[in-house]
Amino acid sequence: MKLKNSNEFRDAIRAADRSQAQVARAAEVSRQFVQQLCAGTKTTCTPHVAARIEVFLQVPKGDLFVDSKTNLVPQ
């Protein structure tokens, strides 16, 4: 899965009143990985991680991540 926009990702974390560490725990990844997504130095992750992040931040599926091959929201 590909992160659509690192700025929107950071905004979603703020809007949910969550920390990067909380997102990392919910997604079962390192805090550093979430920091890299926020900074834009990493832009991809597994579908499982993307789904866990979107659920934890309570955003609709596809708001933050799209399929890295098709750039579409997976069904």
N, C-alpha and C. Protein backbone atom coordinates (compact mmCIF):
# COMPACT_ATOMS: atom_id res chain seq x y z
N MET A 1 0.85 -1.17 0.00
CA MET A 1 0.00 0.00 0.00
C MET A 1 0.90 1.23 0.00
N LYS A 2 0.40 2.29 -0.62
CA LYS A 2 1.17 3.52 -0.75
C LYS A 2 0.46 4.64 0.00
N LEU A 3 1.22 5.36 0.83
CA LEU A 3 0.69 6.51 1.53
C LEU A 3 0.42 7.61 0.51
N LYS A 4 -0.79 8.15 0.53
CA LYS A 4 -1.17 9.17 -0.44
C LYS A 4 -0.43 10.48 -0.20
N ASN A 5 -0.33 10.90 1.07
CA ASN A 5 0.26 12.21 1.36
C ASN A 5 0.71 12.23 2.82
N SER A 6 1.98 12.50 3.04
CA SER A 6 2.50 12.49 4.42
C SER A 6 1.90 13.62 5.25
N ASN A 7 1.63 14.77 4.64
CA ASN A 7 1.01 15.88 5.39
C ASN A 7 -0.39 15.49 5.87
N GLU A 8 -1.15 14.84 5.01
CA GLU A 8 -2.50 14.40 5.39
C GLU A 8 -2.43 13.33 6.48
N PHE A 9 -1.41 12.50 6.42
CA PHE A 9 -1.22 11.48 7.45
C PHE A 9 -0.96 12.15 8.81
N ARG A 10 -0.05 13.12 8.83
CA ARG A 10 0.22 13.86 10.08
C ARG A 10 -1.04 14.55 10.58
N ASP A 11 -1.80 15.16 9.66
CA ASP A 11 -3.04 15.83 10.05
C ASP A 11 -4.05 14.85 10.64
N ALA A 12 -4.12 13.65 10.08
CA ALA A 12 -5.06 12.64 10.59
C ALA A 12 -4.67 12.20 12.00
N ILE A 13 -3.38 12.11 12.26
CA ILE A 13 -2.91 11.75 13.60
C ILE A 13 -3.31 12.84 14.59
N ARG A 14 -3.08 14.10 14.20
CA ARG A 14 -3.46 15.23 15.06
C ARG A 14 -4.96 15.28 15.28
N ALA A 15 -5.72 15.11 14.21
CA ALA A 15 -7.19 15.19 14.30
C ALA A 15 -7.75 14.10 15.22
N ALA A 16 -7.09 12.95 15.24
CA ALA A 16 -7.53 11.86 16.11
C ALA A 16 -7.00 12.02 17.54
N ASP A 17 -6.20 13.07 17.75
CA ASP A 17 -5.59 13.34 19.06
C ASP A 17 -4.78 12.14 19.53
N ARG A 18 -3.97 11.63 18.63
CA ARG A 18 -3.12 10.47 18.91
C ARG A 18 -1.66 10.84 18.70
N SER A 19 -0.78 10.05 19.27
CA SER A 19 0.65 10.24 19.07
C SER A 19 1.15 9.24 18.03
N GLN A 20 2.33 9.52 17.50
CA GLN A 20 2.94 8.59 16.56
C GLN A 20 3.19 7.24 17.24
N ALA A 21 3.56 7.27 18.51
CA ALA A 21 3.80 6.02 19.24
C ALA A 21 2.52 5.21 19.37
N GLN A 22 1.40 5.87 19.60
CA GLN A 22 0.12 5.16 19.70
C GLN A 22 -0.26 4.54 18.36
N VAL A 23 -0.03 5.27 17.28
CA VAL A 23 -0.30 4.74 15.94
C VAL A 23 0.58 3.51 15.69
N ALA A 24 1.83 3.62 16.05
CA ALA A 24 2.76 2.50 15.85
C ALA A 24 2.31 1.26 16.61
N ARG A 25 1.92 1.43 17.86
CA ARG A 25 1.45 0.28 18.64
C ARG A 25 0.21 -0.35 18.01
N ALA A 26 -0.72 0.49 17.59
CA ALA A 26 -1.96 -0.03 16.99
C ALA A 26 -1.68 -0.76 15.68
N ALA A 27 -0.71 -0.28 14.92
CA ALA A 27 -0.39 -0.88 13.62
C ALA A 27 0.64 -2.01 13.73
N GLU A 28 1.17 -2.20 14.95
CA GLU A 28 2.18 -3.23 15.18
C GLU A 28 3.44 -3.01 14.35
N VAL A 29 3.88 -1.74 14.33
CA VAL A 29 5.12 -1.35 13.67
C VAL A 29 5.92 -0.50 14.65
N SER A 30 7.14 -0.15 14.28
CA SER A 30 7.96 0.68 15.16
C SER A 30 7.53 2.15 15.08
N ARG A 31 7.84 2.87 16.14
CA ARG A 31 7.58 4.31 16.16
C ARG A 31 8.39 4.99 15.05
N GLN A 32 9.59 4.50 14.82
CA GLN A 32 10.44 5.06 13.76
C GLN A 32 9.79 4.91 12.39
N PHE A 33 9.12 3.78 12.17
CA PHE A 33 8.45 3.58 10.89
C PHE A 33 7.35 4.62 10.70
N VAL A 34 6.57 4.87 11.74
CA VAL A 34 5.51 5.88 11.66
C VAL A 34 6.13 7.26 11.44
N GLN A 35 7.24 7.55 12.11
CA GLN A 35 7.93 8.83 11.90
C GLN A 35 8.36 8.97 10.44
N GLN A 36 8.85 7.88 9.85
CA GLN A 36 9.27 7.93 8.45
C GLN A 36 8.09 8.15 7.52
N LEU A 37 6.94 7.56 7.82
CA LEU A 37 5.74 7.83 7.02
C LEU A 37 5.35 9.30 7.14
N CYS A 38 5.42 9.84 8.35
CA CYS A 38 5.08 11.24 8.57
C CYS A 38 6.03 12.18 7.83
N ALA A 39 7.29 11.80 7.78
CA ALA A 39 8.30 12.63 7.12
C ALA A 39 8.31 12.45 5.61
N GLY A 40 7.68 11.38 5.13
CA GLY A 40 7.67 11.12 3.70
C GLY A 40 8.88 10.34 3.22
N THR A 41 9.75 9.90 4.14
CA THR A 41 10.91 9.12 3.72
C THR A 41 10.55 7.66 3.46
N LYS A 42 9.45 7.20 4.02
CA LYS A 42 8.85 5.90 3.67
C LYS A 42 7.46 6.21 3.16
N THR A 43 7.05 5.51 2.12
CA THR A 43 5.73 5.78 1.55
C THR A 43 4.90 4.52 1.36
N THR A 44 5.47 3.36 1.69
CA THR A 44 4.72 2.12 1.47
C THR A 44 4.69 1.27 2.73
N CYS A 45 3.68 0.42 2.79
CA CYS A 45 3.55 -0.55 3.89
C CYS A 45 2.65 -1.68 3.40
N THR A 46 2.49 -2.67 4.23
CA THR A 46 1.63 -3.80 3.86
C THR A 46 0.16 -3.39 3.96
N PRO A 47 -0.71 -4.09 3.27
CA PRO A 47 -2.15 -3.81 3.41
C PRO A 47 -2.63 -3.94 4.85
N HIS A 48 -2.08 -4.90 5.58
CA HIS A 48 -2.47 -5.09 6.99
C HIS A 48 -2.15 -3.85 7.82
N VAL A 49 -0.96 -3.31 7.65
CA VAL A 49 -0.54 -2.12 8.41
C VAL A 49 -1.40 -0.92 8.01
N ALA A 50 -1.61 -0.73 6.72
CA ALA A 50 -2.44 0.39 6.25
C ALA A 50 -3.84 0.32 6.84
N ALA A 51 -4.42 -0.86 6.83
CA ALA A 51 -5.78 -1.03 7.36
C ALA A 51 -5.81 -0.73 8.86
N ARG A 52 -4.83 -1.22 9.60
CA ARG A 52 -4.81 -0.98 11.05
C ARG A 52 -4.67 0.50 11.35
N ILE A 53 -3.86 1.20 10.57
CA ILE A 53 -3.69 2.65 10.78
C ILE A 53 -4.99 3.39 10.50
N GLU A 54 -5.63 3.09 9.38
CA GLU A 54 -6.88 3.79 9.04
C GLU A 54 -7.98 3.50 10.05
N VAL A 55 -8.07 2.27 10.52
CA VAL A 55 -9.07 1.93 11.54
C VAL A 55 -8.77 2.67 12.84
N PHE A 56 -7.51 2.64 13.27
CA PHE A 56 -7.13 3.29 14.52
C PHE A 56 -7.40 4.79 14.48
N LEU A 57 -7.11 5.42 13.34
CA LEU A 57 -7.32 6.87 13.22
C LEU A 57 -8.76 7.21 12.85
N GLN A 58 -9.58 6.20 12.66
CA GLN A 58 -11.00 6.36 12.35
C GLN A 58 -11.23 7.21 11.10
N VAL A 59 -10.48 6.85 10.05
CA VAL A 59 -10.68 7.49 8.75
C VAL A 59 -11.21 6.43 7.78
N PRO A 60 -11.97 6.84 6.78
CA PRO A 60 -12.49 5.87 5.81
C PRO A 60 -11.36 5.15 5.07
N LYS A 61 -11.61 3.89 4.74
CA LYS A 61 -10.65 3.10 3.97
C LYS A 61 -10.31 3.86 2.69
N GLY A 62 -9.03 4.00 2.43
CA GLY A 62 -8.58 4.68 1.22
C GLY A 62 -8.29 6.16 1.41
N ASP A 63 -8.60 6.72 2.57
CA ASP A 63 -8.30 8.13 2.81
C ASP A 63 -6.80 8.38 2.88
N LEU A 64 -6.07 7.44 3.44
CA LEU A 64 -4.63 7.63 3.63
C LEU A 64 -3.77 6.78 2.71
N PHE A 65 -4.25 5.59 2.36
CA PHE A 65 -3.45 4.64 1.58
C PHE A 65 -4.21 4.14 0.37
N VAL A 66 -3.46 3.92 -0.72
CA VAL A 66 -4.01 3.30 -1.93
C VAL A 66 -3.10 2.14 -2.32
N ASP A 67 -3.59 1.29 -3.19
CA ASP A 67 -2.79 0.18 -3.71
C ASP A 67 -1.57 0.76 -4.43
N SER A 68 -0.40 0.26 -4.09
CA SER A 68 0.83 0.83 -4.66
C SER A 68 1.00 0.54 -6.15
N LYS A 69 0.30 -0.46 -6.66
CA LYS A 69 0.42 -0.78 -8.09
C LYS A 69 -0.61 -0.04 -8.94
N THR A 70 -1.82 0.10 -8.40
CA THR A 70 -2.90 0.68 -9.20
C THR A 70 -3.27 2.10 -8.80
N ASN A 71 -2.80 2.54 -7.63
CA ASN A 71 -3.19 3.84 -7.06
C ASN A 71 -4.69 3.94 -6.80
N LEU A 72 -5.34 2.79 -6.63
CA LEU A 72 -6.77 2.75 -6.32
C LEU A 72 -6.96 2.20 -4.91
N VAL A 73 -8.12 2.51 -4.34
CA VAL A 73 -8.48 1.94 -3.04
C VAL A 73 -8.85 0.48 -3.28
N PRO A 74 -8.19 -0.44 -2.56
CA PRO A 74 -8.54 -1.85 -2.76
C PRO A 74 -9.94 -2.15 -2.26
N GLN A 75 -10.58 -3.12 -2.90
CA GLN A 75 -11.95 -3.50 -2.51
C GLN A 75 -11.96 -4.33 -1.28
